[in-house]
Amino acid sequence: MTMGTPRREVARGLLVSAVAPFVTASRRPRSADGPEGAGTAFDEVYQGRRIQGVPVTLGALDVAWHVTVDGHPLHLMRRADGSWLSMLDHYSWFRTPLEATRAAVDELGPLRRLRGAGHDVRA
């Protein structure tokens, strides 16, 4: 009779520990704006700026957003945890695209405007 853990259980433990990070990383997190991040389109005036956003389905579970501020595109990115950030502020993240867009307007202030690429700013 052998003492200790059987080789099969050791091998299974090693396999699970090697594969688990990849399985976890491939799962799409749920966020406050829905299981696939679809959320609800928005069209409002926020701090004197017209902000509009529409979810765009890229695949079965992949959703992007087309967002504009005063008619100029604002690029939003989805983080791995399901939150959103704008190209104007890479250090803050928000639960919904609407929150990220409002924060971008706050970052722009009253005098600066977006231009072409969605993250270029001019006075």
Protein backbone atom coordinates (compact mmCIF):
# COMPACT_ATOMS: atom_id res chain seq x y z
CA MET A 1 0.00 0.00 0.00
CA THR A 2 1.37 3.44 -0.96
CA MET A 3 1.17 6.51 1.20
CA GLY A 4 0.42 10.06 0.03
CA THR A 5 -1.60 11.29 -2.92
CA PRO A 6 -2.06 8.97 -5.90
CA ARG A 7 -0.37 10.16 -9.09
CA ARG A 8 -3.71 10.49 -10.90
CA GLU A 9 -4.97 13.06 -8.36
CA VAL A 10 -1.72 15.01 -8.54
CA ALA A 11 -1.94 15.06 -12.33
CA ARG A 12 -5.59 16.19 -12.20
CA GLY A 13 -4.70 19.00 -9.77
CA LEU A 14 -1.89 20.20 -12.03
CA LEU A 15 -4.16 20.13 -15.08
CA VAL A 16 -6.92 22.07 -13.32
CA SER A 17 -4.50 24.71 -12.04
CA ALA A 18 -3.02 25.11 -15.53
CA VAL A 19 -6.37 25.37 -17.37
CA ALA A 20 -8.47 27.34 -14.84
CA PRO A 21 -7.03 30.80 -15.66
CA PHE A 22 -7.86 30.36 -19.35
CA VAL A 23 -11.42 29.22 -18.68
CA THR A 24 -12.00 32.10 -16.27
CA ALA A 25 -10.57 34.66 -18.70
CA SER A 26 -12.78 33.42 -21.55
CA ARG A 27 -16.02 33.98 -19.64
CA ARG A 28 -17.84 37.24 -20.27
CA PRO A 29 -18.65 39.04 -17.02
CA ARG A 30 -22.11 40.39 -16.33
CA SER A 31 -22.38 44.09 -15.81
CA ALA A 32 -24.98 46.50 -14.54
CA ASP A 33 -26.25 47.24 -18.03
CA GLY A 34 -27.22 43.70 -18.93
CA PRO A 35 -25.75 40.24 -19.39
CA GLU A 36 -24.13 41.08 -22.71
CA GLY A 37 -23.52 44.76 -22.06
CA ALA A 38 -26.27 45.75 -24.49
CA GLY A 39 -27.87 48.33 -22.23
CA THR A 40 -30.29 50.95 -23.50
CA ALA A 41 -29.65 53.54 -26.17
CA PHE A 42 -29.49 57.12 -24.91
CA ASP A 43 -29.99 60.59 -26.40
CA GLU A 44 -29.84 63.48 -23.97
CA VAL A 45 -28.35 66.87 -23.28
CA TYR A 46 -25.79 66.70 -20.48
CA GLN A 47 -24.08 69.89 -19.30
CA GLY A 48 -25.08 71.64 -22.52
CA ARG A 49 -23.72 68.84 -24.76
CA ARG A 50 -25.83 66.46 -26.80
CA ILE A 51 -24.74 62.91 -26.06
CA GLN A 52 -26.06 59.94 -28.01
CA GLY A 53 -25.24 56.26 -27.74
CA VAL A 54 -26.48 53.12 -29.46
CA PRO A 55 -25.38 49.53 -28.77
CA VAL A 56 -23.98 47.73 -31.81
CA THR A 57 -24.01 43.92 -31.74
CA LEU A 58 -20.78 42.46 -33.09
CA GLY A 59 -21.56 38.82 -32.41
CA ALA A 60 -23.57 36.53 -30.20
CA LEU A 61 -22.11 37.98 -26.97
CA ASP A 62 -20.03 40.91 -28.14
CA VAL A 63 -21.47 44.43 -27.98
CA ALA A 64 -19.80 47.73 -28.82
CA TRP A 65 -21.25 51.21 -28.64
CA HIS A 66 -21.49 54.00 -31.18
CA VAL A 67 -21.34 57.16 -29.04
CA THR A 68 -21.22 60.81 -30.07
CA VAL A 69 -20.77 64.07 -28.18
CA ASP A 70 -22.16 67.02 -30.13
CA GLY A 71 -22.07 64.83 -33.25
CA HIS A 72 -18.40 63.86 -32.86
CA PRO A 73 -17.51 60.22 -32.16
CA LEU A 74 -16.34 59.20 -28.70
CA HIS A 75 -14.58 55.85 -28.51
CA LEU A 76 -15.57 53.67 -25.54
CA MET A 77 -13.81 50.47 -24.56
CA ARG A 78 -15.16 47.59 -22.53
CA ARG A 79 -12.89 46.37 -19.75
CA ALA A 80 -12.49 42.71 -18.82
CA ASP A 81 -14.60 43.23 -15.67
CA GLY A 82 -17.56 44.50 -17.73
CA SER A 83 -17.10 48.19 -16.95
CA TRP A 84 -16.46 50.91 -19.55
CA LEU A 85 -13.87 53.63 -20.10
CA SER A 86 -13.54 56.44 -22.62
CA MET A 87 -10.48 57.43 -24.58
CA LEU A 88 -10.44 60.75 -22.72
CA ASP A 89 -9.77 59.13 -19.36
CA HIS A 90 -7.96 55.80 -19.29
CA TYR A 91 -7.76 55.72 -15.52
CA SER A 92 -11.44 55.75 -14.56
CA TRP A 93 -14.08 53.21 -15.41
CA PHE A 94 -17.84 53.21 -15.24
CA ARG A 95 -20.67 50.69 -14.95
CA THR A 96 -22.47 51.80 -18.12
CA PRO A 97 -21.66 53.50 -21.43
CA LEU A 98 -23.90 56.41 -20.40
CA GLU A 99 -21.86 56.98 -17.23
CA ALA A 100 -18.61 56.82 -19.23
CA THR A 101 -19.97 59.33 -21.76
CA ARG A 102 -21.07 61.75 -19.06
CA ALA A 103 -17.64 61.51 -17.44
CA ALA A 104 -16.02 62.27 -20.82
CA VAL A 105 -18.16 65.41 -21.08
CA ASP A 106 -17.03 66.37 -17.57
CA GLU A 107 -13.41 65.83 -18.65
CA LEU A 108 -13.88 67.99 -21.76
CA GLY A 109 -15.20 70.91 -19.78
CA PRO A 110 -17.12 73.77 -21.38
CA LEU A 111 -14.51 74.90 -23.94
CA ARG A 112 -12.94 71.78 -25.41
CA ARG A 113 -14.55 69.74 -28.19
CA LEU A 114 -13.97 66.29 -29.63
CA ARG A 115 -12.78 66.00 -33.18
CA GLY A 116 -12.48 63.15 -35.68
CA ALA A 117 -11.00 60.14 -33.89
CA GLY A 118 -13.06 60.36 -30.72
CA HIS A 119 -10.15 61.10 -28.45
CA ASP A 120 -8.55 64.10 -30.11
CA VAL A 121 -9.53 67.28 -28.33
CA ARG A 122 -9.37 70.89 -29.40
CA ALA A 123 -10.04 74.12 -27.57
